[in-house]
C-alpha atoms as a PDB file:
ATOM      1  CA  MET A   1     188.879  75.141 -20.969  1.00  0.00           C
ATOM      2  CA  PRO A   2     190.058  71.661 -20.617  1.00  0.00           C
ATOM      3  CA  PHE A   3     189.221  69.882 -17.117  1.00  0.00           C
ATOM      4  CA  ARG A   4     192.366  70.167 -15.044  1.00  0.00           C
ATOM      5  CA  ASN A   5     191.353  66.437 -13.266  1.00  0.00           C
ATOM      6  CA  LEU A   6     188.588  64.156 -13.210  1.00  0.00           C
ATOM      7  CA  GLN A   7     187.470  65.812  -9.969  1.00  0.00           C
ATOM      8  CA  GLU A   8     187.108  69.325 -11.910  1.00  0.00           C
ATOM      9  CA  PHE A   9     184.833  67.177 -14.198  1.00  0.00           C
ATOM     10  CA  ILE A  10     182.706  65.674 -11.743  1.00  0.00           C
ATOM     11  CA  ARG A  11     182.160  69.152 -10.071  1.00  0.00           C
ATOM     12  CA  ALA A  12     180.863  70.326 -13.522  1.00  0.00           C
ATOM     13  CA  LEU A  13     178.331  67.503 -13.954  1.00  0.00           C
ATOM     14  CA  ASP A  14     177.433  68.240 -10.369  1.00  0.00           C
ATOM     15  CA  ASP A  15     177.164  71.845 -11.293  1.00  0.00           C
ATOM     16  CA  ALA A  16     175.037  70.830 -14.198  1.00  0.00           C
ATOM     17  CA  GLY A  17     172.232  68.934 -12.359  1.00  0.00           C
ATOM     18  CA  ASP A  18     173.989  65.887 -14.401  1.00  0.00           C
ATOM     19  CA  LEU A  19     175.479  63.505 -11.480  1.00  0.00           C
ATOM     20  CA  ILE A  20     173.787  61.569  -8.776  1.00  0.00           C
ATOM     21  CA  ARG A  21     175.826  60.789  -5.653  1.00  0.00           C
ATOM     22  CA  VAL A  22     175.247  57.542  -4.178  1.00  0.00           C
ATOM     23  CA  LYS A  23     175.575  57.808  -0.556  1.00  0.00           C
ATOM     24  CA  ALA A  24     174.305  54.168   0.620  1.00  0.00           C
ATOM     25  CA  PRO A  25     176.847  51.342   0.463  1.00  0.00           C
ATOM     26  CA  VAL A  26     176.718  49.509  -2.847  1.00  0.00           C
ATOM     27  CA  SER A  27     179.361  46.774  -4.064  1.00  0.00           C
ATOM     28  CA  PRO A  28     181.564  46.508  -7.134  1.00  0.00           C
ATOM     29  CA  ARG A  29     180.754  43.208  -7.404  1.00  0.00           C
ATOM     30  CA  LEU A  30     177.501  43.213  -9.819  1.00  0.00           C
ATOM     31  CA  GLU A  31     175.550  45.647  -8.060  1.00  0.00           C
ATOM     32  CA  MET A  32     177.220  48.844  -9.325  1.00  0.00           C
ATOM     33  CA  THR A  33     176.575  47.456 -12.641  1.00  0.00           C
ATOM     34  CA  GLU A  34     172.874  46.737 -12.209  1.00  0.00           C
ATOM     35  CA  ILE A  35     172.252  50.132 -11.105  1.00  0.00           C
ATOM     36  CA  ALA A  36     173.964  51.693 -13.701  1.00  0.00           C
ATOM     37  CA  ASP A  37     172.700  49.793 -16.373  1.00  0.00           C
ATOM     38  CA  ARG A  38     169.109  50.822 -15.586  1.00  0.00           C
ATOM     39  CA  PHE A  39     170.132  54.357 -15.700  1.00  0.00           C
ATOM     40  CA  VAL A  40     171.948  54.389 -18.849  1.00  0.00           C
ATOM     41  CA  LYS A  41     169.062  52.569 -20.454  1.00  0.00           C
ATOM     42  CA  ALA A  42     166.667  55.221 -19.070  1.00  0.00           C
ATOM     43  CA  GLY A  43     168.816  58.197 -20.149  1.00  0.00           C
ATOM     44  CA  GLY A  44     169.881  58.838 -16.548  1.00  0.00           C
ATOM     45  CA  LYS A  45     172.414  60.576 -14.961  1.00  0.00           C
ATOM     46  CA  ALA A  46     176.191  59.814 -14.269  1.00  0.00           C
ATOM     47  CA  LEU A  47     176.648  58.249 -11.182  1.00  0.00           C
ATOM     48  CA  LEU A  48     179.136  58.526  -8.538  1.00  0.00           C
ATOM     49  CA  PHE A  49     179.106  55.691  -5.791  1.00  0.00           C
ATOM     50  CA  GLU A  50     180.756  57.089  -2.553  1.00  0.00           C
ATOM     51  CA  ASN A  51     180.328  54.051  -0.542  1.00  0.00           C
ATOM     52  CA  THR A  52     182.093  51.506  -2.014  1.00  0.00           C
ATOM     53  CA  GLY A  53     183.927  49.728   0.641  1.00  0.00           C
ATOM     54  CA  THR A  54     187.078  51.070  -0.408  1.00  0.00           C
ATOM     55  CA  GLN A  55     188.221  54.160   0.298  1.00  0.00           C
ATOM     56  CA  PHE A  56     187.561  55.397  -3.285  1.00  0.00           C
ATOM     57  CA  PRO A  57     184.499  56.538  -4.952  1.00  0.00           C
ATOM     58  CA  VAL A  58     183.529  55.120  -8.239  1.00  0.00           C
ATOM     59  CA  LEU A  59     182.119  57.005 -11.464  1.00  0.00           C
ATOM     60  CA  LEU A  60     179.869  55.181 -13.981  1.00  0.00           C
ATOM     61  CA  ASN A  61     177.907  56.675 -16.928  1.00  0.00           C
ATOM     62  CA  ALA A  62     180.114  59.693 -17.287  1.00  0.00           C
ATOM     63  CA  PHE A  63     180.100  59.460 -21.175  1.00  0.00           C
ATOM     64  CA  ALA A  64     176.726  58.292 -21.625  1.00  0.00           C
ATOM     65  CA  SER A  65     174.554  61.043 -23.158  1.00  0.00           C
ATOM     66  CA  ASP A  66     175.218  63.651 -26.097  1.00  0.00           C
ATOM     67  CA  ARG A  67     175.634  66.503 -23.421  1.00  0.00           C
ATOM     68  CA  ARG A  68     178.293  64.674 -21.134  1.00  0.00           C
ATOM     69  CA  ILE A  69     180.365  63.362 -23.847  1.00  0.00           C
ATOM     70  CA  CYS A  70     180.326  66.665 -25.523  1.00  0.00           C
ATOM     71  CA  MET A  71     181.270  68.242 -22.002  1.00  0.00           C
ATOM     72  CA  ALA A  72     183.924  65.692 -21.421  1.00  0.00           C
ATOM     73  CA  LEU A  73     185.587  66.519 -24.569  1.00  0.00           C
ATOM     74  CA  GLY A  74     185.191  70.261 -23.984  1.00  0.00           C
ATOM     75  CA  MET A  75     182.604  70.822 -26.929  1.00  0.00           C
ATOM     76  CA  THR A  76     179.191  72.505 -27.224  1.00  0.00           C
ATOM     77  CA  HIS A  77     177.804  70.049 -29.537  1.00  0.00           C
ATOM     78  CA  PRO A  78     178.872  66.591 -31.287  1.00  0.00           C
ATOM     79  CA  ASP A  79     180.230  68.125 -34.329  1.00  0.00           C
ATOM     80  CA  GLU A  80     182.495  70.848 -33.076  1.00  0.00           C
ATOM     81  CA  ALA A  81     185.640  68.890 -33.079  1.00  0.00           C
ATOM     82  CA  ALA A  82     185.083  67.727 -36.755  1.00  0.00           C
ATOM     83  CA  GLU A  83     184.332  71.120 -37.666  1.00  0.00           C
ATOM     84  CA  ARG A  84     187.711  72.264 -36.054  1.00  0.00           C
ATOM     85  CA  ILE A  85     189.484  69.274 -38.157  1.00  0.00           C
ATOM     86  CA  GLN A  86     188.250  70.400 -41.384  1.00  0.00           C
ATOM     87  CA  SER A  87     188.956  74.197 -41.091  1.00  0.00           C
ATOM     88  CA  LEU A  88     192.570  73.035 -40.258  1.00  0.00           C
ATOM     89  CA  LEU A  89     192.630  70.695 -43.272  1.00  0.00           C
ATOM     90  CA  LYS A  90     191.421  73.298 -45.531  1.00  0.00           C
ATOM     91  CA  ARG A  91     194.114  75.728 -44.078  1.00  0.00           C
ATOM     92  CA  LEU A  92     196.914  73.202 -44.203  1.00  0.00           C
ATOM     93  CA  THR A  93     196.135  72.052 -47.826  1.00  0.00           C
ATOM     94  CA  THR A  94     195.370  75.558 -49.219  1.00  0.00           C
ATOM     95  CA  PRO A  95     197.928  75.908 -51.805  1.00  0.00           C
ATOM     96  CA  THR A  96     200.147  78.601 -51.038  1.00  0.00           C
ATOM     97  CA  ALA A  97     201.322  81.028 -53.707  1.00  0.00           C
ATOM     98  CA  GLY A  98     203.910  83.246 -52.099  1.00  0.00           C
ATOM     99  CA  LEU A  99     205.762  84.413 -48.916  1.00  0.00           C
ATOM    100  CA  LEU A 100     202.736  86.180 -47.486  1.00  0.00           C
ATOM    101  CA  ASP A 101     200.436  82.808 -47.910  1.00  0.00           C
ATOM    102  CA  LYS A 102     202.991  80.924 -46.089  1.00  0.00           C
ATOM    103  CA  LEU A 103     203.482  83.463 -43.237  1.00  0.00           C
ATOM    104  CA  ARG A 104     199.772  83.024 -42.940  1.00  0.00           C
ATOM    105  CA  LEU A 105     200.238  79.574 -41.857  1.00  0.00           C
ATOM    106  CA  LEU A 106     202.450  80.549 -38.831  1.00  0.00           C
ATOM    107  CA  PRO A 107     199.501  80.953 -36.253  1.00  0.00           C
ATOM    108  CA  THR A 108     198.097  77.447 -37.486  1.00  0.00           C
ATOM    109  CA  LEU A 109     201.410  75.953 -36.933  1.00  0.00           C
ATOM    110  CA  GLY A 110     201.848  77.562 -33.620  1.00  0.00           C
ATOM    111  CA  GLU A 111     198.072  76.195 -32.697  1.00  0.00           C
ATOM    112  CA  MET A 112     199.420  72.813 -33.824  1.00  0.00           C
ATOM    113  CA  ALA A 113     202.790  73.174 -31.432  1.00  0.00           C
ATOM    114  CA  ALA A 114     200.543  73.800 -28.299  1.00  0.00           C
ATOM    115  CA  TRP A 115     199.095  70.097 -28.992  1.00  0.00           C
ATOM    116  CA  ILE A 116     202.386  68.331 -28.439  1.00  0.00           C
ATOM    117  CA  PRO A 117     202.592  66.854 -25.007  1.00  0.00           C
ATOM    118  CA  ARG A 118     205.263  67.800 -22.613  1.00  0.00           C
ATOM    119  CA  VAL A 119     207.173  65.666 -20.137  1.00  0.00           C
ATOM    120  CA  ARG A 120     207.382  68.139 -16.611  1.00  0.00           C
ATOM    121  CA  ASN A 121     210.056  67.841 -13.962  1.00  0.00           C
ATOM    122  CA  GLY A 122     208.783  66.106 -10.661  1.00  0.00           C
ATOM    123  CA  LYS A 123     206.289  64.301  -9.520  1.00  0.00           C
ATOM    124  CA  GLY A 124     202.471  64.606 -10.489  1.00  0.00           C
ATOM    125  CA  GLU A 125     199.334  64.534  -8.480  1.00  0.00           C
ATOM    126  CA  CYS A 126     198.837  61.163  -9.658  1.00  0.00           C
ATOM    127  CA  GLN A 127     201.862  60.103  -7.150  1.00  0.00           C
ATOM    128  CA  GLN A 128     200.573  61.973  -4.150  1.00  0.00           C
ATOM    129  CA  VAL A 129     200.156  58.582  -2.709  1.00  0.00           C
ATOM    130  CA  VAL A 130     202.549  55.404  -3.222  1.00  0.00           C
ATOM    131  CA  MET A 131     201.169  52.369  -2.025  1.00  0.00           C
ATOM    132  CA  ASP A 132     203.746  50.331   0.466  1.00  0.00           C
ATOM    133  CA  LYS A 133     203.270  47.204  -1.271  1.00  0.00           C
ATOM    134  CA  PRO A 134     201.050  47.261  -4.620  1.00  0.00           C
ATOM    135  CA  ASP A 135     197.477  45.862  -4.078  1.00  0.00           C
ATOM    136  CA  LEU A 136     194.658  45.988  -6.625  1.00  0.00           C
ATOM    137  CA  ALA A 137     192.320  44.756  -3.763  1.00  0.00           C
ATOM    138  CA  LYS A 138     192.410  48.042  -2.651  1.00  0.00           C
ATOM    139  CA  LEU A 139     190.798  49.514  -5.398  1.00  0.00           C
ATOM    140  CA  PRO A 140     186.879  49.181  -6.218  1.00  0.00           C
ATOM    141  CA  ILE A 141     187.356  47.214  -9.567  1.00  0.00           C
ATOM    142  CA  LEU A 142     183.809  45.979 -10.391  1.00  0.00           C
ATOM    143  CA  GLN A 143     182.677  42.453 -11.757  1.00  0.00           C
ATOM    144  CA  CYS A 144     180.134  43.497 -14.374  1.00  0.00           C
ATOM    145  CA  TRP A 145     178.197  40.184 -14.558  1.00  0.00           C
ATOM    146  CA  PRO A 146     177.490  37.074 -12.921  1.00  0.00           C
ATOM    147  CA  HIS A 147     179.505  34.431 -15.250  1.00  0.00           C
ATOM    148  CA  ASP A 148     182.570  37.063 -15.658  1.00  0.00           C
ATOM    149  CA  GLY A 149     185.734  35.453 -15.101  1.00  0.00           C
ATOM    150  CA  GLY A 150     186.288  38.146 -11.932  1.00  0.00           C
ATOM    151  CA  PRO A 151     186.601  41.711 -11.641  1.00  0.00           C
ATOM    152  CA  PHE A 152     187.952  43.849 -14.894  1.00  0.00           C
ATOM    153  CA  ILE A 153     189.528  46.973 -15.032  1.00  0.00           C
ATOM    154  CA  THR A 154     187.626  48.673 -17.842  1.00  0.00           C
ATOM    155  CA  LEU A 155     188.444  52.082 -18.405  1.00  0.00           C
ATOM    156  CA  PRO A 156     192.347  51.319 -18.353  1.00  0.00           C
ATOM    157  CA  LEU A 157     194.721  53.718 -20.057  1.00  0.00           C
ATOM    158  CA  VAL A 158     197.265  51.431 -21.175  1.00  0.00           C
ATOM    159  CA  HIS A 159     200.752  52.928 -22.396  1.00  0.00           C
ATOM    160  CA  THR A 160     203.380  51.094 -23.969  1.00  0.00           C
ATOM    161  CA  ARG A 161     206.303  51.917 -26.040  1.00  0.00           C
ATOM    162  CA  ASP A 162     207.624  50.931 -29.524  1.00  0.00           C
ATOM    163  CA  PRO A 163     211.341  49.168 -28.237  1.00  0.00           C
ATOM    164  CA  HIS A 164     212.642  50.603 -32.032  1.00  0.00           C
ATOM    165  CA  THR A 165     211.270  53.566 -32.293  1.00  0.00           C
ATOM    166  CA  GLY A 166     210.544  54.867 -29.176  1.00  0.00           C
ATOM    167  CA  LEU A 167     207.042  56.097 -29.883  1.00  0.00           C
ATOM    168  CA  ARG A 168     204.438  55.684 -27.171  1.00  0.00           C
ATOM    169  CA  ASN A 169     201.028  54.127 -27.785  1.00  0.00           C
ATOM    170  CA  LEU A 170     197.903  54.690 -25.551  1.00  0.00           C
ATOM    171  CA  GLY A 171     195.147  52.348 -25.857  1.00  0.00           C
ATOM    172  CA  MET A 172     192.689  50.561 -23.948  1.00  0.00           C
ATOM    173  CA  TYR A 173     192.404  46.745 -23.146  1.00  0.00           C
ATOM    174  CA  ARG A 174     190.224  45.314 -20.380  1.00  0.00           C
ATOM    175  CA  MET A 175     192.053  43.864 -17.624  1.00  0.00           C
ATOM    176  CA  GLN A 176     190.911  40.780 -15.400  1.00  0.00           C
ATOM    177  CA  VAL A 177     192.204  40.916 -12.136  1.00  0.00           C
ATOM    178  CA  PHE A 178     193.765  37.623 -10.804  1.00  0.00           C
ATOM    179  CA  ALA A 179     195.853  38.590  -7.659  1.00  0.00           C
ATOM    180  CA  PRO A 180     196.628  41.985  -5.771  1.00  0.00           C
ATOM    181  CA  ASP A 181     199.667  42.267  -8.272  1.00  0.00           C
ATOM    182  CA  LEU A 182     198.502  40.648 -11.367  1.00  0.00           C
ATOM    183  CA  THR A 183     196.246  41.083 -14.264  1.00  0.00           C
ATOM    184  CA  GLY A 184     195.571  39.734 -17.649  1.00  0.00           C
ATOM    185  CA  MET A 185     196.493  42.180 -20.536  1.00  0.00           C
ATOM    186  CA  HIS A 186     193.451  41.845 -23.308  1.00  0.00           C
ATOM    187  CA  TRP A 187     195.323  43.276 -26.280  1.00  0.00           C
ATOM    188  CA  HIS A 188     193.777  41.386 -29.762  1.00  0.00           C
ATOM    189  CA  LEU A 189     196.425  40.647 -32.283  1.00  0.00           C
ATOM    190  CA  HIS A 190     195.429  43.737 -34.415  1.00  0.00           C
ATOM    191  CA  LYS A 191     196.316  46.282 -31.566  1.00  0.00           C
ATOM    192  CA  THR A 192     199.326  48.417 -31.219  1.00  0.00           C
ATOM    193  CA  GLY A 193     199.795  46.954 -27.699  1.00  0.00           C
ATOM    194  CA  ALA A 194     199.899  43.249 -28.996  1.00  0.00           C
ATOM    195  CA  ARG A 195     202.599  44.385 -32.153  1.00  0.00           C
ATOM    196  CA  HIS A 196     205.011  46.291 -29.307  1.00  0.00           C
ATOM    197  CA  TYR A 197     204.463  42.824 -27.302  1.00  0.00           C
ATOM    198  CA  ASN A 198     205.438  40.696 -30.290  1.00  0.00           C
ATOM    199  CA  GLU A 199     208.613  43.048 -30.715  1.00  0.00           C
ATOM    200  CA  TYR A 200     210.020  42.623 -27.006  1.00  0.00           C
ATOM    201  CA  LYS A 201     209.268  38.602 -27.194  1.00  0.00           C
ATOM    202  CA  ALA A 202     211.518  38.854 -30.429  1.00  0.00           C
ATOM    203  CA  GLU A 203     214.087  40.383 -28.560  1.00  0.00           C
ATOM    204  CA  GLY A 204     213.667  38.372 -25.418  1.00  0.00           C
ATOM    205  CA  ARG A 205     213.045  41.475 -23.387  1.00  0.00           C
ATOM    206  CA  ARG A 206     210.504  42.034 -20.657  1.00  0.00           C
ATOM    207  CA  MET A 207     207.974  44.793 -21.673  1.00  0.00           C
ATOM    208  CA  PRO A 208     207.180  47.935 -19.473  1.00  0.00           C
ATOM    209  CA  VAL A 209     203.733  48.572 -19.173  1.00  0.00           C
ATOM    210  CA  VAL A 210     201.728  51.485 -17.149  1.00  0.00           C
ATOM    211  CA  VAL A 211     198.191  51.670 -16.957  1.00  0.00           C
ATOM    212  CA  ALA A 212     196.808  55.314 -15.777  1.00  0.00           C
ATOM    213  CA  LEU A 213     193.273  55.859 -14.477  1.00  0.00           C
ATOM    214  CA  GLY A 214     191.302  59.093 -14.602  1.00  0.00           C
ATOM    215  CA  GLY A 215     192.729  62.146 -14.992  1.00  0.00           C
ATOM    216  CA  ASP A 216     191.016  64.830 -17.523  1.00  0.00           C
ATOM    217  CA  PRO A 217     188.233  62.920 -19.401  1.00  0.00           C
ATOM    218  CA  VAL A 218     189.413  63.539 -22.870  1.00  0.00           C
ATOM    219  CA  TYR A 219     192.487  61.074 -22.324  1.00  0.00           C
ATOM    220  CA  THR A 220     189.976  58.328 -21.810  1.00  0.00           C
ATOM    221  CA  TYR A 221     188.755  59.244 -25.108  1.00  0.00           C
ATOM    222  CA  ALA A 222     191.724  59.161 -26.878  1.00  0.00           C
ATOM    223  CA  ALA A 223     192.975  55.962 -25.669  1.00  0.00           C
ATOM    224  CA  THR A 224     189.616  54.340 -27.972  1.00  0.00           C
ATOM    225  CA  ALA A 225     190.591  56.835 -30.549  1.00  0.00           C
ATOM    226  CA  PRO A 226     191.341  54.978 -34.149  1.00  0.00           C
ATOM    227  CA  LEU A 227     194.689  56.448 -34.692  1.00  0.00           C
ATOM    228  CA  PRO A 228     197.726  55.291 -36.847  1.00  0.00           C
ATOM    229  CA  ASP A 229     200.419  53.952 -35.125  1.00  0.00           C
ATOM    230  CA  ASN A 230     202.718  57.185 -35.430  1.00  0.00           C
ATOM    231  CA  VAL A 231     200.374  59.413 -33.837  1.00  0.00           C
ATOM    232  CA  ASP A 232     200.453  60.090 -30.334  1.00  0.00           C
ATOM    233  CA  GLU A 233     197.166  60.007 -28.666  1.00  0.00           C
ATOM    234  CA  TYR A 234     198.129  62.699 -26.208  1.00  0.00           C
ATOM    235  CA  MET A 235     198.479  64.945 -29.247  1.00  0.00           C
ATOM    236  CA  LEU A 236     194.833  64.219 -30.280  1.00  0.00           C
ATOM    237  CA  ALA A 237     193.952  64.989 -26.422  1.00  0.00           C
ATOM    238  CA  GLY A 238     195.836  68.112 -26.779  1.00  0.00           C
ATOM    239  CA  PHE A 239     193.981  69.242 -29.850  1.00  0.00           C
ATOM    240  CA  LEU A 240     190.507  68.104 -28.358  1.00  0.00           C
ATOM    241  CA  ARG A 241     191.512  70.121 -25.052  1.00  0.00           C
ATOM    242  CA  ARG A 242     193.117  73.025 -26.639  1.00  0.00           C
ATOM    243  CA  CYS A 243     196.464  72.858 -24.636  1.00  0.00           C
ATOM    244  CA  LYS A 244     199.222  70.389 -24.153  1.00  0.00           C
ATOM    245  CA  VAL A 245     198.858  67.109 -22.011  1.00  0.00           C
ATOM    246  CA  ASP A 246     201.568  67.572 -18.848  1.00  0.00           C
ATOM    247  CA  LEU A 247     203.108  64.208 -18.282  1.00  0.00           C
ATOM    248  CA  VAL A 248     205.606  63.055 -15.738  1.00  0.00           C
ATOM    249  CA  LYS A 249     207.810  59.847 -15.221  1.00  0.00           C
ATOM    250  CA  CYS A 250     206.622  56.934 -13.762  1.00  0.00           C
ATOM    251  CA  LEU A 251     208.732  55.674 -10.712  1.00  0.00           C
ATOM    252  CA  THR A 252     209.524  52.104 -11.805  1.00  0.00           C
ATOM    253  CA  CYS A 253     208.994  52.134 -15.476  1.00  0.00           C
ATOM    254  CA  ASP A 254     210.542  54.077 -18.388  1.00  0.00           C
ATOM    255  CA  LEU A 255     207.013  55.577 -19.636  1.00  0.00           C
ATOM    256  CA  GLU A 256     205.268  58.830 -18.496  1.00  0.00           C
ATOM    257  CA  VAL A 257     201.740  59.345 -17.852  1.00  0.00           C
ATOM    258  CA  PRO A 258     199.579  62.271 -17.183  1.00  0.00           C
ATOM    259  CA  ALA A 259     200.512  64.252 -14.138  1.00  0.00           C
ATOM    260  CA  ASP A 260     196.754  64.470 -13.244  1.00  0.00           C
ATOM    261  CA  ALA A 261     195.730  61.082 -13.443  1.00  0.00           C
ATOM    262  CA  ASP A 262     193.807  59.145 -10.631  1.00  0.00           C
ATOM    263  CA  PHE A 263     195.724  56.387 -10.470  1.00  0.00           C
ATOM    264  CA  VAL A 264     198.710  55.070 -11.994  1.00  0.00           C
ATOM    265  CA  ILE A 265     199.506  51.044 -12.073  1.00  0.00           C
ATOM    266  CA  GLU A 266     203.357  50.684 -13.108  1.00  0.00           C
ATOM    267  CA  GLY A 267     204.677  47.326 -14.133  1.00  0.00           C
ATOM    268  CA  TYR A 268     205.650  44.920 -16.615  1.00  0.00           C
ATOM    269  CA  VAL A 269     204.635  41.874 -19.192  1.00  0.00           C
ATOM    270  CA  ASP A 270     207.164  39.197 -19.835  1.00  0.00           C
ATOM    271  CA  PRO A 271     207.013  37.802 -23.255  1.00  0.00           C
ATOM    272  CA  SER A 272     208.855  34.452 -22.144  1.00  0.00           C
ATOM    273  CA  GLU A 273     206.042  33.546 -19.915  1.00  0.00           C
ATOM    274  CA  ASP A 274     203.076  31.264 -20.803  1.00  0.00           C
ATOM    275  CA  LEU A 275     199.674  33.209 -21.810  1.00  0.00           C
ATOM    276  CA  VAL A 276     196.793  32.688 -19.184  1.00  0.00           C
ATOM    277  CA  ARG A 277     193.302  31.957 -19.640  1.00  0.00           C
ATOM    278  CA  GLU A 278     190.994  35.173 -19.233  1.00  0.00           C
ATOM    279  CA  GLY A 279     187.216  35.671 -19.408  1.00  0.00           C
ATOM    280  CA  PRO A 280     184.548  35.121 -19.611  1.00  0.00           C
ATOM    281  CA  PHE A 281     183.623  38.645 -19.945  1.00  0.00           C
ATOM    282  CA  GLY A 282     179.991  39.982 -20.379  1.00  0.00           C
ATOM    283  CA  ASP A 283     179.939  41.484 -24.048  1.00  0.00           C
ATOM    284  CA  HIS A 284     178.107  44.222 -26.284  1.00  0.00           C
ATOM    285  CA  THR A 285     175.709  41.582 -27.796  1.00  0.00           C
ATOM    286  CA  GLY A 286     174.564  40.360 -24.415  1.00  0.00           C
ATOM    287  CA  TYR A 287     176.511  37.015 -24.463  1.00  0.00           C
ATOM    288  CA  TYR A 288     179.687  36.449 -22.663  1.00  0.00           C
ATOM    289  CA  SER A 289     182.986  36.590 -24.915  1.00  0.00           C
ATOM    290  CA  LEU A 290     184.736  33.018 -24.192  1.00  0.00           C
ATOM    291  CA  ALA A 291     187.576  32.777 -22.153  1.00  0.00           C
ATOM    292  CA  ASP A 292     190.992  32.884 -24.252  1.00  0.00           C
ATOM    293  CA  ASP A 293     194.829  33.243 -23.634  1.00  0.00           C
ATOM    294  CA  TYR A 294     196.461  36.547 -22.974  1.00  0.00           C
ATOM    295  CA  PRO A 295     199.575  37.798 -21.461  1.00  0.00           C
ATOM    296  CA  LEU A 296     200.204  38.476 -17.781  1.00  0.00           C
ATOM    297  CA  PHE A 297     200.827  42.159 -16.308  1.00  0.00           C
ATOM    298  CA  HIS A 298     202.663  42.350 -13.309  1.00  0.00           C
ATOM    299  CA  VAL A 299     202.124  45.218 -11.117  1.00  0.00           C
ATOM    300  CA  THR A 300     205.535  46.679  -9.387  1.00  0.00           C
ATOM    301  CA  CYS A 301     203.780  49.635  -8.224  1.00  0.00           C
ATOM    302  CA  ILE A 302     200.727  51.978  -7.564  1.00  0.00           C
ATOM    303  CA  THR A 303     200.627  55.497  -6.996  1.00  0.00           C
ATOM    304  CA  HIS A 304     197.211  57.644  -6.729  1.00  0.00           C
ATOM    305  CA  ARG A 305     196.057  60.972  -5.795  1.00  0.00           C
ATOM    306  CA  ARG A 306     194.969  61.803  -2.520  1.00  0.00           C
ATOM    307  CA  ASP A 307     191.426  62.420  -3.669  1.00  0.00           C
ATOM    308  CA  ALA A 308     191.524  59.771  -6.360  1.00  0.00           C
ATOM    309  CA  VAL A 309     188.375  58.636  -7.932  1.00  0.00           C
ATOM    310  CA  TYR A 310     188.086  55.157  -9.683  1.00  0.00           C
ATOM    311  CA  PRO A 311     186.295  55.738 -13.050  1.00  0.00           C
ATOM    312  CA  ALA A 312     184.713  52.466 -14.801  1.00  0.00           C
ATOM    313  CA  THR A 313     182.187  51.552 -17.436  1.00  0.00           C
ATOM    314  CA  ILE A 314     180.141  48.659 -18.109  1.00  0.00           C
ATOM    315  CA  VAL A 315     179.666  46.417 -21.317  1.00  0.00           C
ATOM    316  CA  GLY A 316     176.521  44.826 -22.383  1.00  0.00           C
ATOM    317  CA  ILE A 317     173.333  44.999 -24.227  1.00  0.00           C
ATOM    318  CA  PRO A 318     172.919  48.580 -25.917  1.00  0.00           C
ATOM    319  CA  PRO A 319     172.552  51.288 -25.444  1.00  0.00           C
ATOM    320  CA  MET A 320     175.346  51.256 -23.156  1.00  0.00           C
ATOM    321  CA  GLU A 321     177.969  54.287 -22.627  1.00  0.00           C
ATOM    322  CA  ASP A 322     180.617  52.909 -25.556  1.00  0.00           C
ATOM    323  CA  GLY A 323     177.541  54.048 -27.679  1.00  0.00           C
ATOM    324  CA  TRP A 324     178.280  57.738 -27.139  1.00  0.00           C
ATOM    325  CA  ILE A 325     181.941  57.438 -27.484  1.00  0.00           C
ATOM    326  CA  GLY A 326     181.489  55.554 -30.798  1.00  0.00           C
ATOM    327  CA  MET A 327     179.189  58.426 -32.059  1.00  0.00           C
ATOM    328  CA  ILE A 328     181.632  61.163 -31.233  1.00  0.00           C
ATOM    329  CA  THR A 329     184.580  58.978 -32.974  1.00  0.00           C
ATOM    330  CA  GLU A 330     182.226  58.775 -36.175  1.00  0.00           C
ATOM    331  CA  ARG A 331     181.804  62.612 -35.881  1.00  0.00           C
ATOM    332  CA  ILE A 332     185.574  63.413 -35.709  1.00  0.00           C
ATOM    333  CA  PHE A 333     187.044  60.918 -38.059  1.00  0.00           C
ATOM    334  CA  LEU A 334     184.144  61.222 -40.821  1.00  0.00           C
ATOM    335  CA  ALA A 335     185.409  64.999 -41.379  1.00  0.00           C
ATOM    336  CA  PRO A 336     189.015  64.193 -42.624  1.00  0.00           C
ATOM    337  CA  LEU A 337     187.494  61.119 -44.673  1.00  0.00           C
ATOM    338  CA  ARG A 338     184.951  63.273 -46.219  1.00  0.00           C
ATOM    339  CA  LEU A 339     187.479  65.954 -46.916  1.00  0.00           C
ATOM    340  CA  THR A 340     189.867  63.629 -48.679  1.00  0.00           C
ATOM    341  CA  MET A 341     187.095  61.867 -50.714  1.00  0.00           C
ATOM    342  CA  LEU A 342     184.639  64.572 -51.685  1.00  0.00           C
ATOM    343  CA  PRO A 343     186.466  67.944 -51.345  1.00  0.00           C
ATOM    344  CA  GLU A 344     183.920  69.689 -53.037  1.00  0.00           C
ATOM    345  CA  LEU A 345     181.618  69.589 -49.984  1.00  0.00           C
END
């Protein structure tokens, strides 16, 4: 069964004995990273920092084990999703000789229809609290390493929309905080978000962008998945959780976000503005990636759940949490490649 929200996932980790609640005060500036880094390298548990200097707890290392990444994605073992994909592809690609064979596909098509996200009426849990004035300083955003350019949002679910097709994209691009209502938007040239940005720039239009944090942990994985442009990441999330994702409309942008998200940061990128210098950022190699120029993200509204938890990850010398995310990606996406290239296996 899918997790209805991040809080339910945290309770599941707690019940499984795979969570440590840190009640002592710990600063999001450098201290949390130091603790989380030691835990992940020692094969330790997920960490929930409850005394962060803000009203919000911080969840770290939530995906950093085979057991936890499987739990987050509703699997019993790392190959489960790949086996489901392989079974699905075989059903869909098996030649159909007659009407009876075609009718046998109806349950499969019905199963696939259940993965399509839906936009529900009204507000979501993610909009229970609306900040009077958007202020990112109220969130426990981490500065991970001493020479980072500043605090970075490291698990953002960045929503953009193609201005021509209207198709939504969900990506994950780190965001350096510059001011209470300003961040960078670190999308590389080959990313879909950057392509959308260039299309808005060509039209001389502001680009609506919305960032969600938290919710069912499967959304975080879906934002990292290497999907084609025309495949909705929330459909992958629906496949993994075996039911559709409920979305709600944002308050100031014409975009939708998961109703159960913990935080929603609404805003825009103005392609007519000069790029800003972002970074450095402590990276996977153990060195800092150099500062470079990226667009500014202007925050127009911040909403959150009443019991919101701020999810984060740290990047650095392996092993790190992203290693388990990469492992699951390999298992999931190798299945269709193998079936295409070596169908006899």
